[in-house]
C-alpha atoms as a PDB file:
ATOM      1  CA  UNK A   1      45.276 101.647  77.371  1.00  0.00           C
ATOM      2  CA  UNK A   2      46.405 100.559  74.036  1.00  0.00           C
ATOM      3  CA  UNK A   3      45.246 102.422  70.867  1.00  0.00           C
ATOM      4  CA  UNK A   4      42.222 100.813  69.242  1.00  0.00           C
ATOM      5  CA  UNK A   5      44.140 100.097  66.112  1.00  0.00           C
ATOM      6  CA  UNK A   6      46.790  98.299  68.014  1.00  0.00           C
ATOM      7  CA  UNK A   7      44.239  96.235  69.873  1.00  0.00           C
ATOM      8  CA  UNK A   8      42.674  95.159  66.556  1.00  0.00           C
ATOM      9  CA  UNK A   9      46.011  94.162  65.083  1.00  0.00           C
ATOM     10  CA  UNK A  10      46.855  91.988  68.098  1.00  0.00           C
ATOM     11  CA  UNK A  11      43.343  90.392  67.696  1.00  0.00           C
ATOM     12  CA  UNK A  12      44.131  89.640  64.009  1.00  0.00           C
ATOM     13  CA  UNK A  13      47.598  88.250  64.962  1.00  0.00           C
ATOM     14  CA  UNK A  14      46.113  86.130  67.686  1.00  0.00           C
ATOM     15  CA  UNK A  15      43.438  84.628  65.344  1.00  0.00           C
ATOM     16  CA  UNK A  16      46.106  83.927  62.746  1.00  0.00           C
ATOM     17  CA  UNK A  17      48.204  82.142  65.336  1.00  0.00           C
ATOM     18  CA  UNK A  18      45.295  80.087  66.462  1.00  0.00           C
ATOM     19  CA  UNK A  19      44.747  78.979  63.042  1.00  0.00           C
ATOM     20  CA  UNK A  20      48.226  78.075  62.018  1.00  0.00           C
ATOM     21  CA  UNK A  21      48.820  76.240  65.266  1.00  0.00           C
ATOM     22  CA  UNK A  22      45.661  74.132  64.572  1.00  0.00           C
ATOM     23  CA  UNK A  23      46.929  73.084  61.160  1.00  0.00           C
ATOM     24  CA  UNK A  24      49.880  71.219  62.623  1.00  0.00           C
ATOM     25  CA  UNK A  25      49.783  67.462  61.924  1.00  0.00           C
ATOM     26  CA  UNK A  26      47.606  65.444  64.220  1.00  0.00           C
ATOM     27  CA  UNK A  27      48.877  62.128  65.605  1.00  0.00           C
ATOM     28  CA  UNK A  28      48.050  58.691  64.188  1.00  0.00           C
ATOM     29  CA  UNK A  29      47.347  57.362  60.762  1.00  0.00           C
ATOM     30  CA  UNK A  30      46.455  59.679  58.099  1.00  0.00           C
ATOM     31  CA  UNK A  31      43.828  58.853  55.460  1.00  0.00           C
ATOM     32  CA  UNK A  32      41.120  60.471  53.355  1.00  0.00           C
ATOM     33  CA  UNK A  33      37.452  61.004  54.608  1.00  0.00           C
ATOM     34  CA  UNK A  34      35.239  62.580  51.947  1.00  0.00           C
ATOM     35  CA  UNK A  35      38.027  64.344  50.302  1.00  0.00           C
ATOM     36  CA  UNK A  36      39.502  65.680  53.655  1.00  0.00           C
ATOM     37  CA  UNK A  37      42.575  64.627  55.655  1.00  0.00           C
ATOM     38  CA  UNK A  38      41.630  62.323  58.563  1.00  0.00           C
ATOM     39  CA  UNK A  39      43.816  61.334  61.386  1.00  0.00           C
ATOM     40  CA  UNK A  40      43.028  58.122  63.366  1.00  0.00           C
ATOM     41  CA  UNK A  41      44.775  57.634  66.704  1.00  0.00           C
ATOM     42  CA  UNK A  42      44.226  56.014  70.136  1.00  0.00           C
ATOM     43  CA  UNK A  43      43.843  58.259  73.163  1.00  0.00           C
ATOM     44  CA  UNK A  44      44.084  56.504  76.623  1.00  0.00           C
ATOM     45  CA  UNK A  45      42.869  53.260  75.004  1.00  0.00           C
ATOM     46  CA  UNK A  46      39.968  54.847  72.960  1.00  0.00           C
ATOM     47  CA  UNK A  47      39.848  55.113  69.283  1.00  0.00           C
ATOM     48  CA  UNK A  48      39.609  58.735  68.034  1.00  0.00           C
ATOM     49  CA  UNK A  49      39.542  60.744  64.866  1.00  0.00           C
ATOM     50  CA  UNK A  50      40.070  64.286  63.640  1.00  0.00           C
ATOM     51  CA  UNK A  51      39.251  65.487  60.283  1.00  0.00           C
ATOM     52  CA  UNK A  52      40.833  68.527  58.985  1.00  0.00           C
ATOM     53  CA  UNK A  53      39.466  71.185  56.621  1.00  0.00           C
ATOM     54  CA  UNK A  54      41.391  72.436  53.613  1.00  0.00           C
ATOM     55  CA  UNK A  55      41.713  75.872  55.282  1.00  0.00           C
ATOM     56  CA  UNK A  56      40.713  76.456  58.845  1.00  0.00           C
ATOM     57  CA  UNK A  57      38.106  79.082  59.526  1.00  0.00           C
ATOM     58  CA  UNK A  58      39.077  81.954  61.920  1.00  0.00           C
ATOM     59  CA  UNK A  59      39.119  80.771  65.502  1.00  0.00           C
ATOM     60  CA  UNK A  60      39.408  77.082  64.631  1.00  0.00           C
ATOM     61  CA  UNK A  61      35.686  76.074  65.270  1.00  0.00           C
ATOM     62  CA  UNK A  62      34.857  72.403  65.352  1.00  0.00           C
ATOM     63  CA  UNK A  63      32.111  69.880  65.371  1.00  0.00           C
ATOM     64  CA  UNK A  64      32.214  67.201  68.144  1.00  0.00           C
ATOM     65  CA  UNK A  65      30.465  64.000  66.989  1.00  0.00           C
ATOM     66  CA  UNK A  66      29.479  61.857  69.926  1.00  0.00           C
ATOM     67  CA  UNK A  67      28.707  58.411  68.367  1.00  0.00           C
ATOM     68  CA  UNK A  68      28.387  56.574  65.144  1.00  0.00           C
ATOM     69  CA  UNK A  69      31.110  58.477  63.283  1.00  0.00           C
ATOM     70  CA  UNK A  70      30.256  58.575  59.538  1.00  0.00           C
ATOM     71  CA  UNK A  71      26.564  57.912  59.932  1.00  0.00           C
ATOM     72  CA  UNK A  72      24.526  60.606  57.994  1.00  0.00           C
ATOM     73  CA  UNK A  73      27.666  62.702  57.653  1.00  0.00           C
ATOM     74  CA  UNK A  74      26.228  65.530  55.483  1.00  0.00           C
ATOM     75  CA  UNK A  75      26.463  68.103  58.268  1.00  0.00           C
ATOM     76  CA  UNK A  76      30.062  67.413  58.979  1.00  0.00           C
ATOM     77  CA  UNK A  77      30.991  67.603  55.310  1.00  0.00           C
ATOM     78  CA  UNK A  78      29.264  70.818  54.963  1.00  0.00           C
ATOM     79  CA  UNK A  79      31.066  72.207  58.004  1.00  0.00           C
ATOM     80  CA  UNK A  80      34.442  70.935  56.762  1.00  0.00           C
ATOM     81  CA  UNK A  81      33.770  72.882  53.530  1.00  0.00           C
ATOM     82  CA  UNK A  82      33.381  75.903  55.706  1.00  0.00           C
ATOM     83  CA  UNK A  83      36.661  75.486  57.459  1.00  0.00           C
ATOM     84  CA  UNK A  84      35.516  73.595  60.577  1.00  0.00           C
ATOM     85  CA  UNK A  85      37.364  70.616  62.107  1.00  0.00           C
ATOM     86  CA  UNK A  86      35.402  67.502  63.029  1.00  0.00           C
ATOM     87  CA  UNK A  87      36.384  65.299  65.897  1.00  0.00           C
ATOM     88  CA  UNK A  88      35.123  61.996  67.459  1.00  0.00           C
ATOM     89  CA  UNK A  89      36.200  59.622  70.207  1.00  0.00           C
ATOM     90  CA  UNK A  90      34.725  56.147  70.812  1.00  0.00           C
ATOM     91  CA  UNK A  91      32.752  56.161  74.006  1.00  0.00           C
ATOM     92  CA  UNK A  92      29.277  54.987  72.894  1.00  0.00           C
ATOM     93  CA  UNK A  93      29.554  52.023  75.275  1.00  0.00           C
ATOM     94  CA  UNK A  94      29.758  54.443  78.265  1.00  0.00           C
ATOM     95  CA  UNK A  95      26.395  55.980  77.575  1.00  0.00           C
ATOM     96  CA  UNK A  96      27.109  59.473  78.959  1.00  0.00           C
ATOM     97  CA  UNK A  97      28.340  58.237  82.348  1.00  0.00           C
ATOM     98  CA  UNK A  98      30.972  60.033  84.337  1.00  0.00           C
ATOM     99  CA  UNK A  99      33.646  57.806  82.837  1.00  0.00           C
ATOM    100  CA  UNK A 100      32.315  58.861  79.350  1.00  0.00           C
ATOM    101  CA  UNK A 101      32.754  62.430  80.340  1.00  0.00           C
ATOM    102  CA  UNK A 102      36.243  61.756  81.610  1.00  0.00           C
ATOM    103  CA  UNK A 103      37.244  60.087  78.306  1.00  0.00           C
ATOM    104  CA  UNK A 104      35.620  62.841  76.228  1.00  0.00           C
ATOM    105  CA  UNK A 105      37.447  65.511  78.271  1.00  0.00           C
ATOM    106  CA  UNK A 106      40.736  63.952  77.463  1.00  0.00           C
ATOM    107  CA  UNK A 107      40.127  64.495  73.719  1.00  0.00           C
ATOM    108  CA  UNK A 108      38.776  68.048  74.452  1.00  0.00           C
ATOM    109  CA  UNK A 109      41.907  69.019  76.402  1.00  0.00           C
ATOM    110  CA  UNK A 110      44.160  67.477  73.758  1.00  0.00           C
ATOM    111  CA  UNK A 111      42.440  69.431  70.905  1.00  0.00           C
ATOM    112  CA  UNK A 112      42.144  72.753  72.767  1.00  0.00           C
ATOM    113  CA  UNK A 113      45.383  72.896  74.685  1.00  0.00           C
ATOM    114  CA  UNK A 114      47.801  71.190  72.082  1.00  0.00           C
ATOM    115  CA  UNK A 115      46.254  71.978  68.789  1.00  0.00           C
ATOM    116  CA  UNK A 116      44.476  75.188  69.553  1.00  0.00           C
ATOM    117  CA  UNK A 117      40.984  74.318  68.375  1.00  0.00           C
ATOM    118  CA  UNK A 118      38.213  76.596  69.695  1.00  0.00           C
ATOM    119  CA  UNK A 119      37.612  76.151  73.363  1.00  0.00           C
ATOM    120  CA  UNK A 120      33.768  75.968  72.622  1.00  0.00           C
ATOM    121  CA  UNK A 121      32.885  73.372  70.106  1.00  0.00           C
ATOM    122  CA  UNK A 122      29.370  72.543  68.806  1.00  0.00           C
ATOM    123  CA  UNK A 123      28.437  69.039  69.930  1.00  0.00           C
ATOM    124  CA  UNK A 124      26.653  66.790  67.685  1.00  0.00           C
ATOM    125  CA  UNK A 125      24.636  63.700  69.190  1.00  0.00           C
ATOM    126  CA  UNK A 126      22.512  61.370  67.492  1.00  0.00           C
ATOM    127  CA  UNK A 127      20.400  58.784  69.375  1.00  0.00           C
ATOM    128  CA  UNK A 128      22.454  57.783  72.375  1.00  0.00           C
ATOM    129  CA  UNK A 129      24.905  60.432  71.359  1.00  0.00           C
ATOM    130  CA  UNK A 130      22.286  62.873  72.551  1.00  0.00           C
ATOM    131  CA  UNK A 131      22.810  61.555  76.074  1.00  0.00           C
ATOM    132  CA  UNK A 132      26.685  61.745  75.730  1.00  0.00           C
ATOM    133  CA  UNK A 133      26.646  65.247  74.349  1.00  0.00           C
ATOM    134  CA  UNK A 134      24.093  66.525  76.894  1.00  0.00           C
ATOM    135  CA  UNK A 135      25.838  65.109  79.926  1.00  0.00           C
ATOM    136  CA  UNK A 136      29.213  66.409  78.742  1.00  0.00           C
ATOM    137  CA  UNK A 137      27.824  69.802  78.082  1.00  0.00           C
ATOM    138  CA  UNK A 138      25.951  69.931  81.507  1.00  0.00           C
ATOM    139  CA  UNK A 139      29.157  69.058  83.156  1.00  0.00           C
ATOM    140  CA  UNK A 140      31.007  71.732  81.154  1.00  0.00           C
ATOM    141  CA  UNK A 141      28.613  74.439  80.242  1.00  0.00           C
ATOM    142  CA  UNK A 142      31.254  77.096  79.605  1.00  0.00           C
ATOM    143  CA  UNK A 143      33.030  74.817  77.038  1.00  0.00           C
ATOM    144  CA  UNK A 144      30.147  74.535  74.622  1.00  0.00           C
ATOM    145  CA  UNK A 145      28.993  76.909  71.871  1.00  0.00           C
ATOM    146  CA  UNK A 146      25.791  74.851  71.007  1.00  0.00           C
ATOM    147  CA  UNK A 147      24.286  71.504  70.680  1.00  0.00           C
ATOM    148  CA  UNK A 148      22.685  69.663  67.664  1.00  0.00           C
ATOM    149  CA  UNK A 149      20.851  66.636  69.022  1.00  0.00           C
ATOM    150  CA  UNK A 150      19.080  64.258  66.770  1.00  0.00           C
ATOM    151  CA  UNK A 151      16.442  61.710  67.809  1.00  0.00           C
ATOM    152  CA  UNK A 152      18.245  62.118  71.173  1.00  0.00           C
ATOM    153  CA  UNK A 153      18.166  59.985  74.282  1.00  0.00           C
ATOM    154  CA  UNK A 154      17.478  62.267  77.034  1.00  0.00           C
ATOM    155  CA  UNK A 155      16.278  59.907  79.700  1.00  0.00           C
ATOM    156  CA  UNK A 156      17.936  56.519  80.282  1.00  0.00           C
ATOM    157  CA  UNK A 157      14.691  54.978  81.622  1.00  0.00           C
ATOM    158  CA  UNK A 158      13.083  55.497  78.228  1.00  0.00           C
ATOM    159  CA  UNK A 159      15.948  54.077  76.331  1.00  0.00           C
ATOM    160  CA  UNK A 160      17.560  51.706  77.001  1.00  0.00           C
ATOM    161  CA  UNK A 161      15.361  51.117  80.068  1.00  0.00           C
ATOM    162  CA  UNK A 162      12.207  50.651  77.972  1.00  0.00           C
ATOM    163  CA  UNK A 163      10.128  51.884  80.969  1.00  0.00           C
ATOM    164  CA  UNK A 164       7.678  53.722  78.702  1.00  0.00           C
ATOM    165  CA  UNK A 165       6.445  53.306  75.211  1.00  0.00           C
ATOM    166  CA  UNK A 166       9.689  52.533  73.680  1.00  0.00           C
ATOM    167  CA  UNK A 167      11.162  48.947  72.901  1.00  0.00           C
ATOM    168  CA  UNK A 168      14.244  49.521  75.099  1.00  0.00           C
ATOM    169  CA  UNK A 169      17.353  47.400  74.864  1.00  0.00           C
ATOM    170  CA  UNK A 170      17.889  44.855  77.757  1.00  0.00           C
ATOM    171  CA  UNK A 171      21.672  44.624  77.038  1.00  0.00           C
ATOM    172  CA  UNK A 172      22.256  48.300  76.968  1.00  0.00           C
ATOM    173  CA  UNK A 173      20.199  48.791  80.215  1.00  0.00           C
ATOM    174  CA  UNK A 174      22.499  46.363  82.125  1.00  0.00           C
ATOM    175  CA  UNK A 175      25.535  48.193  80.536  1.00  0.00           C
ATOM    176  CA  UNK A 176      24.039  51.524  81.724  1.00  0.00           C
ATOM    177  CA  UNK A 177      23.707  50.214  85.237  1.00  0.00           C
ATOM    178  CA  UNK A 178      27.210  49.011  85.238  1.00  0.00           C
ATOM    179  CA  UNK A 179      28.921  52.077  83.901  1.00  0.00           C
ATOM    180  CA  UNK A 180      26.996  54.414  86.041  1.00  0.00           C
ATOM    181  CA  UNK A 181      27.314  52.276  89.081  1.00  0.00           C
ATOM    182  CA  UNK A 182      23.766  52.490  89.858  1.00  0.00           C
ATOM    183  CA  UNK A 183      20.769  50.127  90.317  1.00  0.00           C
ATOM    184  CA  UNK A 184      17.851  49.901  87.919  1.00  0.00           C
ATOM    185  CA  UNK A 185      15.738  51.994  90.316  1.00  0.00           C
ATOM    186  CA  UNK A 186      18.481  54.597  90.970  1.00  0.00           C
ATOM    187  CA  UNK A 187      18.716  55.118  87.149  1.00  0.00           C
ATOM    188  CA  UNK A 188      14.922  55.276  86.827  1.00  0.00           C
ATOM    189  CA  UNK A 189      14.816  57.972  89.577  1.00  0.00           C
ATOM    190  CA  UNK A 190      18.148  59.642  88.558  1.00  0.00           C
ATOM    191  CA  UNK A 191      17.988  63.340  89.539  1.00  0.00           C
ATOM    192  CA  UNK A 192      20.908  63.975  87.294  1.00  0.00           C
ATOM    193  CA  UNK A 193      19.096  62.981  84.072  1.00  0.00           C
ATOM    194  CA  UNK A 194      19.468  65.716  81.466  1.00  0.00           C
ATOM    195  CA  UNK A 195      15.762  66.199  81.386  1.00  0.00           C
ATOM    196  CA  UNK A 196      16.282  67.768  84.946  1.00  0.00           C
ATOM    197  CA  UNK A 197      19.775  69.190  84.796  1.00  0.00           C
ATOM    198  CA  UNK A 198      19.465  70.914  81.407  1.00  0.00           C
ATOM    199  CA  UNK A 199      18.538  74.046  83.164  1.00  0.00           C
ATOM    200  CA  UNK A 200      22.247  74.538  83.825  1.00  0.00           C
ATOM    201  CA  UNK A 201      22.731  74.950  79.982  1.00  0.00           C
ATOM    202  CA  UNK A 202      19.710  77.141  79.794  1.00  0.00           C
ATOM    203  CA  UNK A 203      21.243  79.469  82.411  1.00  0.00           C
ATOM    204  CA  UNK A 204      24.305  79.795  80.327  1.00  0.00           C
ATOM    205  CA  UNK A 205      22.395  80.543  77.177  1.00  0.00           C
ATOM    206  CA  UNK A 206      23.615  77.593  75.292  1.00  0.00           C
ATOM    207  CA  UNK A 207      21.414  77.240  71.989  1.00  0.00           C
ATOM    208  CA  UNK A 208      19.997  73.772  71.136  1.00  0.00           C
ATOM    209  CA  UNK A 209      18.866  72.380  67.798  1.00  0.00           C
ATOM    210  CA  UNK A 210      16.706  69.251  68.257  1.00  0.00           C
ATOM    211  CA  UNK A 211      15.620  67.173  65.265  1.00  0.00           C
ATOM    212  CA  UNK A 212      13.451  64.070  65.684  1.00  0.00           C
ATOM    213  CA  UNK A 213      10.821  61.943  64.127  1.00  0.00           C
ATOM    214  CA  UNK A 214       7.423  62.288  65.783  1.00  0.00           C
ATOM    215  CA  UNK A 215       6.876  58.443  65.373  1.00  0.00           C
ATOM    216  CA  UNK A 216      10.023  57.248  66.989  1.00  0.00           C
ATOM    217  CA  UNK A 217       9.381  53.755  68.418  1.00  0.00           C
ATOM    218  CA  UNK A 218      12.946  53.362  69.761  1.00  0.00           C
ATOM    219  CA  UNK A 219      13.521  56.767  71.604  1.00  0.00           C
ATOM    220  CA  UNK A 220       9.959  58.114  71.790  1.00  0.00           C
ATOM    221  CA  UNK A 221      10.051  61.855  71.385  1.00  0.00           C
ATOM    222  CA  UNK A 222       7.394  62.467  74.022  1.00  0.00           C
ATOM    223  CA  UNK A 223       9.584  60.609  76.545  1.00  0.00           C
ATOM    224  CA  UNK A 224      12.798  62.379  75.647  1.00  0.00           C
ATOM    225  CA  UNK A 225      13.123  65.366  73.487  1.00  0.00           C
ATOM    226  CA  UNK A 226       9.610  66.830  74.371  1.00  0.00           C
ATOM    227  CA  UNK A 227      10.403  66.796  78.194  1.00  0.00           C
ATOM    228  CA  UNK A 228      13.835  68.338  77.623  1.00  0.00           C
ATOM    229  CA  UNK A 229      12.461  71.038  75.309  1.00  0.00           C
ATOM    230  CA  UNK A 230       9.632  71.917  77.861  1.00  0.00           C
ATOM    231  CA  UNK A 231      12.097  72.119  80.778  1.00  0.00           C
ATOM    232  CA  UNK A 232      14.717  74.043  78.741  1.00  0.00           C
ATOM    233  CA  UNK A 233      12.296  76.695  77.632  1.00  0.00           C
ATOM    234  CA  UNK A 234      10.869  76.941  81.243  1.00  0.00           C
ATOM    235  CA  UNK A 235      14.443  77.631  82.478  1.00  0.00           C
ATOM    236  CA  UNK A 236      14.766  80.353  79.854  1.00  0.00           C
ATOM    237  CA  UNK A 237      16.837  78.328  77.309  1.00  0.00           C
ATOM    238  CA  UNK A 238      16.602  78.709  73.536  1.00  0.00           C
ATOM    239  CA  UNK A 239      15.884  75.533  71.601  1.00  0.00           C
ATOM    240  CA  UNK A 240      14.839  75.108  67.976  1.00  0.00           C
ATOM    241  CA  UNK A 241      12.759  72.015  67.234  1.00  0.00           C
ATOM    242  CA  UNK A 242      12.402  70.321  63.934  1.00  0.00           C
ATOM    243  CA  UNK A 243       9.814  67.380  64.186  1.00  0.00           C
ATOM    244  CA  UNK A 244       9.656  65.102  61.170  1.00  0.00           C
ATOM    245  CA  UNK A 245       6.061  63.851  60.631  1.00  0.00           C
ATOM    246  CA  UNK A 246       5.665  60.093  60.418  1.00  0.00           C
ATOM    247  CA  UNK A 247       9.413  59.491  60.832  1.00  0.00           C
ATOM    248  CA  UNK A 248      10.616  56.599  63.221  1.00  0.00           C
ATOM    249  CA  UNK A 249      14.137  56.546  64.699  1.00  0.00           C
ATOM    250  CA  UNK A 250      15.726  56.572  61.361  1.00  0.00           C
ATOM    251  CA  UNK A 251      16.787  58.316  59.234  1.00  0.00           C
ATOM    252  CA  UNK A 252      18.672  60.824  61.344  1.00  0.00           C
ATOM    253  CA  UNK A 253      19.538  64.288  60.198  1.00  0.00           C
ATOM    254  CA  UNK A 254      18.048  66.102  57.099  1.00  0.00           C
ATOM    255  CA  UNK A 255      18.910  65.358  53.540  1.00  0.00           C
ATOM    256  CA  UNK A 256      19.715  68.932  53.116  1.00  0.00           C
ATOM    257  CA  UNK A 257      21.779  70.019  56.292  1.00  0.00           C
ATOM    258  CA  UNK A 258      21.361  73.768  55.555  1.00  0.00           C
ATOM    259  CA  UNK A 259      19.338  74.404  58.638  1.00  0.00           C
ATOM    260  CA  UNK A 260      21.893  72.626  60.797  1.00  0.00           C
ATOM    261  CA  UNK A 261      24.704  74.332  59.164  1.00  0.00           C
ATOM    262  CA  UNK A 262      23.092  77.751  59.701  1.00  0.00           C
ATOM    263  CA  UNK A 263      22.536  76.965  63.363  1.00  0.00           C
ATOM    264  CA  UNK A 264      26.204  76.005  63.823  1.00  0.00           C
ATOM    265  CA  UNK A 265      27.454  79.059  62.107  1.00  0.00           C
ATOM    266  CA  UNK A 266      25.325  81.254  64.355  1.00  0.00           C
ATOM    267  CA  UNK A 267      26.983  79.868  67.334  1.00  0.00           C
ATOM    268  CA  UNK A 268      30.261  81.598  66.338  1.00  0.00           C
ATOM    269  CA  UNK A 269      28.675  84.947  65.920  1.00  0.00           C
ATOM    270  CA  UNK A 270      29.531  87.373  68.823  1.00  0.00           C
END
């Protein structure tokens, strides 16, 4: 057994090593995004970005934006100011399919193995990004610190399928069938939909923050988030819900992201 003081010293050294390693230059073209260094590159044919804080927080935490990079960015800006990295890879056309998970895993492996970012990021998914984030997290429950999902698609038959109250999207529904390699009926009856498999995350005690408008006509809350929340809680999971009265699918997020920031910071508390 090592003395307690020596163990603590090695812990500090390891944390400093993680931080210094992560600050190495990322690949691609360097630019500025809201006052922070941003690196644009291509990974296996997919566009990707990493935005770097001025000084990385201990342990190199990061926010993983699923789709629509730069839309309602107040949360990411606030987290960058607190020393978090922000990452994104363009997979919105893959709608959370196994191929989507594969492409996203390529970025995860690069950032964690080569740049020493934290092995448990917080996932951020707006709209269809909710499906992307949920599917990846369910496939990798030990690699997720938490999820912030906003007006999230949780069931493809609701959106883009339009098999309920929502307007749906015929083009995206065909795309979903193509990328999942399933028929329309197979997607409607999909037992692997996050509304069913979210229990995997609940069992791992992965916290979720869900924000949505209660009058969403595109991704109706009662067909998506509400079902996810009910099943998640039944499975013993922790989910915080903020319903915005009278709000449709837009605007996403909150003008003041303080609640979201607090949620993300708590995921890093031992």
